[in-house]
Amino acid sequence: MIRLIILTAVRITRLRWAGRIVRMQDNLPYKKITLDKPEDRRRVGRPNLRWIDGVMRDAERLGVGNWRIKGKDRDGWR
């Protein structure tokens, strides 16, 4: 029970931070690093998960659809 509460709190915090990143200006390096896909060759095997993959998984588990669009509305995102 406690574990579920902690995991939910972490997911909500991660989504809150993702909304902040979506609202950032496009030319900021942190936004580019976080949201862009790498274009170089990857090693053989399963690819490493990116931070944004975790955010998308959290949004799906919490039932938040179109989180990038909703994240741009600061008051509604809170």
N, C-alpha and C. Protein backbone atom coordinates (compact mmCIF):
# COMPACT_ATOMS: atom_id res chain seq x y z
N MET A 1 0.82 -1.19 0.00
CA MET A 1 0.00 0.00 0.00
C MET A 1 0.87 1.26 0.00
N ILE A 2 1.85 1.29 0.91
CA ILE A 2 2.75 2.45 0.99
C ILE A 2 3.54 2.58 -0.30
N ARG A 3 3.97 1.44 -0.84
CA ARG A 3 4.76 1.45 -2.08
C ARG A 3 3.96 2.07 -3.22
N LEU A 4 2.69 1.73 -3.31
CA LEU A 4 1.83 2.27 -4.36
C LEU A 4 1.68 3.78 -4.22
N ILE A 5 1.54 4.26 -3.01
CA ILE A 5 1.41 5.70 -2.77
C ILE A 5 2.69 6.42 -3.18
N ILE A 6 3.83 5.85 -2.84
CA ILE A 6 5.11 6.47 -3.18
C ILE A 6 5.31 6.47 -4.69
N LEU A 7 5.01 5.35 -5.35
CA LEU A 7 5.15 5.29 -6.81
C LEU A 7 4.24 6.29 -7.51
N THR A 8 3.03 6.44 -7.02
CA THR A 8 2.10 7.41 -7.61
C THR A 8 2.62 8.83 -7.43
N ALA A 9 3.17 9.12 -6.26
CA ALA A 9 3.73 10.46 -6.01
C ALA A 9 4.91 10.74 -6.94
N VAL A 10 5.75 9.74 -7.17
CA VAL A 10 6.89 9.92 -8.07
C VAL A 10 6.40 10.14 -9.50
N ARG A 11 5.41 9.39 -9.92
CA ARG A 11 4.87 9.55 -11.28
C ARG A 11 4.26 10.94 -11.47
N ILE A 12 3.52 11.40 -10.49
CA ILE A 12 2.90 12.73 -10.59
C ILE A 12 3.97 13.81 -10.66
N THR A 13 5.01 13.68 -9.85
CA THR A 13 6.10 14.65 -9.87
C THR A 13 6.83 14.65 -11.20
N ARG A 14 7.03 13.46 -11.77
CA ARG A 14 7.69 13.38 -13.07
C ARG A 14 6.84 14.03 -14.16
N LEU A 15 5.54 13.82 -14.10
CA LEU A 15 4.65 14.46 -15.08
C LEU A 15 4.62 15.97 -14.89
N ARG A 16 4.67 16.43 -13.66
CA ARG A 16 4.70 17.87 -13.41
C ARG A 16 5.94 18.48 -14.04
N TRP A 17 7.09 17.82 -13.87
CA TRP A 17 8.33 18.30 -14.47
C TRP A 17 8.27 18.23 -16.00
N ALA A 18 7.63 17.21 -16.54
CA ALA A 18 7.49 17.10 -17.99
C ALA A 18 6.66 18.26 -18.54
N GLY A 19 5.63 18.67 -17.82
CA GLY A 19 4.85 19.83 -18.24
C GLY A 19 5.69 21.09 -18.28
N ARG A 20 6.59 21.23 -17.31
CA ARG A 20 7.49 22.38 -17.29
C ARG A 20 8.41 22.37 -18.50
N ILE A 21 8.91 21.20 -18.85
CA ILE A 21 9.81 21.09 -20.00
C ILE A 21 9.07 21.42 -21.30
N VAL A 22 7.82 20.97 -21.42
CA VAL A 22 7.04 21.25 -22.63
C VAL A 22 6.82 22.75 -22.79
N ARG A 23 6.67 23.46 -21.68
CA ARG A 23 6.43 24.90 -21.74
C ARG A 23 7.70 25.71 -21.99
N MET A 24 8.88 25.10 -21.88
CA MET A 24 10.14 25.82 -22.10
C MET A 24 10.24 26.29 -23.54
N GLN A 25 11.11 27.29 -23.74
CA GLN A 25 11.38 27.77 -25.10
C GLN A 25 12.09 26.68 -25.88
N ASP A 26 11.84 26.64 -27.18
CA ASP A 26 12.39 25.57 -28.02
C ASP A 26 13.91 25.62 -28.15
N ASN A 27 14.51 26.79 -27.96
CA ASN A 27 15.95 26.89 -28.18
C ASN A 27 16.78 26.56 -26.94
N LEU A 28 16.16 26.23 -25.82
CA LEU A 28 16.92 25.89 -24.61
C LEU A 28 17.50 24.48 -24.73
N PRO A 29 18.77 24.33 -24.34
CA PRO A 29 19.41 23.02 -24.52
C PRO A 29 18.76 21.91 -23.71
N TYR A 30 18.26 22.22 -22.52
CA TYR A 30 17.66 21.16 -21.70
C TYR A 30 16.45 20.56 -22.39
N LYS A 31 15.65 21.38 -23.05
CA LYS A 31 14.48 20.86 -23.76
C LYS A 31 14.92 20.00 -24.94
N LYS A 32 15.94 20.45 -25.66
CA LYS A 32 16.41 19.67 -26.79
C LYS A 32 16.95 18.31 -26.35
N ILE A 33 17.71 18.29 -25.28
CA ILE A 33 18.29 17.05 -24.79
C ILE A 33 17.21 16.09 -24.32
N THR A 34 16.20 16.62 -23.65
CA THR A 34 15.18 15.78 -23.05
C THR A 34 14.19 15.22 -24.06
N LEU A 35 13.77 16.01 -25.02
CA LEU A 35 12.69 15.61 -25.91
C LEU A 35 13.14 15.06 -27.26
N ASP A 36 14.37 15.34 -27.68
CA ASP A 36 14.82 14.86 -28.99
C ASP A 36 15.21 13.39 -28.94
N LYS A 37 15.14 12.76 -30.10
CA LYS A 37 15.58 11.38 -30.22
C LYS A 37 17.03 11.37 -30.71
N PRO A 38 17.85 10.48 -30.19
CA PRO A 38 19.23 10.40 -30.68
C PRO A 38 19.26 9.90 -32.12
N GLU A 39 20.16 10.45 -32.91
CA GLU A 39 20.20 10.09 -34.32
C GLU A 39 21.41 9.24 -34.68
N ASP A 40 22.27 8.96 -33.72
CA ASP A 40 23.43 8.14 -34.04
C ASP A 40 23.09 6.66 -33.95
N ARG A 41 24.03 5.83 -34.31
CA ARG A 41 23.81 4.39 -34.26
C ARG A 41 23.82 3.90 -32.83
N ARG A 42 22.99 2.92 -32.56
CA ARG A 42 22.93 2.35 -31.22
C ARG A 42 23.59 0.98 -31.20
N ARG A 43 23.90 0.56 -29.99
CA ARG A 43 24.49 -0.77 -29.82
C ARG A 43 23.46 -1.84 -30.11
N VAL A 44 23.94 -3.04 -30.33
CA VAL A 44 23.06 -4.18 -30.57
C VAL A 44 22.36 -4.54 -29.26
N GLY A 45 21.10 -4.92 -29.38
CA GLY A 45 20.34 -5.30 -28.19
C GLY A 45 19.21 -4.33 -27.92
N ARG A 46 18.59 -4.50 -26.77
CA ARG A 46 17.47 -3.65 -26.39
C ARG A 46 17.98 -2.24 -26.12
N PRO A 47 17.34 -1.22 -26.68
CA PRO A 47 17.79 0.15 -26.45
C PRO A 47 17.53 0.58 -25.00
N ASN A 48 18.39 1.46 -24.51
CA ASN A 48 18.19 2.01 -23.18
C ASN A 48 16.95 2.90 -23.18
N LEU A 49 16.24 2.89 -22.08
CA LEU A 49 15.06 3.74 -21.98
C LEU A 49 15.49 5.18 -21.74
N ARG A 50 14.80 6.09 -22.39
CA ARG A 50 15.05 7.51 -22.18
C ARG A 50 14.11 8.02 -21.11
N TRP A 51 14.39 9.20 -20.59
CA TRP A 51 13.54 9.80 -19.57
C TRP A 51 12.13 10.01 -20.10
N ILE A 52 12.03 10.43 -21.33
CA ILE A 52 10.72 10.71 -21.92
C ILE A 52 9.90 9.43 -22.06
N ASP A 53 10.55 8.29 -22.24
CA ASP A 53 9.83 7.02 -22.29
C ASP A 53 9.15 6.73 -20.96
N GLY A 54 9.83 7.03 -19.87
CA GLY A 54 9.24 6.87 -18.55
C GLY A 54 8.07 7.81 -18.33
N VAL A 55 8.18 9.02 -18.84
CA VAL A 55 7.09 9.99 -18.71
C VAL A 55 5.87 9.51 -19.48
N MET A 56 6.10 9.01 -20.68
CA MET A 56 4.97 8.52 -21.47
C MET A 56 4.30 7.33 -20.81
N ARG A 57 5.09 6.45 -20.22
CA ARG A 57 4.54 5.30 -19.50
C ARG A 57 3.74 5.76 -18.27
N ASP A 58 4.26 6.75 -17.54
CA ASP A 58 3.56 7.27 -16.36
C ASP A 58 2.24 7.93 -16.76
N ALA A 59 2.26 8.69 -17.85
CA ALA A 59 1.03 9.34 -18.31
C ALA A 59 -0.02 8.31 -18.69
N GLU A 60 0.42 7.23 -19.31
CA GLU A 60 -0.52 6.17 -19.68
C GLU A 60 -1.10 5.48 -18.44
N ARG A 61 -0.26 5.21 -17.46
CA ARG A 61 -0.73 4.54 -16.25
C ARG A 61 -1.67 5.42 -15.42
N LEU A 62 -1.43 6.73 -15.45
CA LEU A 62 -2.28 7.64 -14.68
C LEU A 62 -3.50 8.11 -15.48
N GLY A 63 -3.60 7.70 -16.73
CA GLY A 63 -4.76 8.03 -17.55
C GLY A 63 -4.75 9.44 -18.10
N VAL A 64 -3.55 9.98 -18.36
CA VAL A 64 -3.44 11.33 -18.91
C VAL A 64 -3.17 11.19 -20.39
N GLY A 65 -4.16 11.55 -21.20
CA GLY A 65 -3.99 11.49 -22.65
C GLY A 65 -3.54 12.83 -23.19
N ASN A 66 -2.78 12.83 -24.27
CA ASN A 66 -2.27 14.06 -24.89
C ASN A 66 -1.55 14.93 -23.88
N TRP A 67 -0.61 14.36 -23.15
CA TRP A 67 0.03 15.08 -22.06
C TRP A 67 0.85 16.26 -22.56
N ARG A 68 1.37 16.21 -23.76
CA ARG A 68 2.15 17.36 -24.27
C ARG A 68 1.27 18.57 -24.52
N ILE A 69 0.08 18.34 -25.02
CA ILE A 69 -0.85 19.45 -25.26
C ILE A 69 -1.38 19.99 -23.93
N LYS A 70 -1.74 19.08 -23.03
CA LYS A 70 -2.25 19.51 -21.72
C LYS A 70 -1.17 20.18 -20.90
N GLY A 71 0.07 19.80 -21.07
CA GLY A 71 1.17 20.38 -20.31
C GLY A 71 1.44 21.83 -20.65
N LYS A 72 1.03 22.26 -21.83
CA LYS A 72 1.25 23.65 -22.23
C LYS A 72 0.32 24.61 -21.48
N ASP A 73 -0.80 24.13 -20.99
CA ASP A 73 -1.72 24.93 -20.18
C ASP A 73 -1.29 24.79 -18.72
N ARG A 74 -0.60 25.78 -18.21
CA ARG A 74 0.01 25.68 -16.89
C ARG A 74 -1.00 25.46 -15.78
N ASP A 75 -2.07 26.23 -15.75
CA ASP A 75 -3.05 26.11 -14.69
C ASP A 75 -3.81 24.78 -14.78
N GLY A 76 -4.16 24.37 -15.97
CA GLY A 76 -4.87 23.11 -16.14
C GLY A 76 -4.00 21.90 -15.84
N TRP A 77 -2.69 22.04 -16.06
CA TRP A 77 -1.78 20.93 -15.82
C TRP A 77 -1.60 20.65 -14.34
N ARG A 78 -1.65 21.70 -13.54
CA ARG A 78 -1.50 21.53 -12.09
C ARG A 78 -2.64 20.71 -11.55
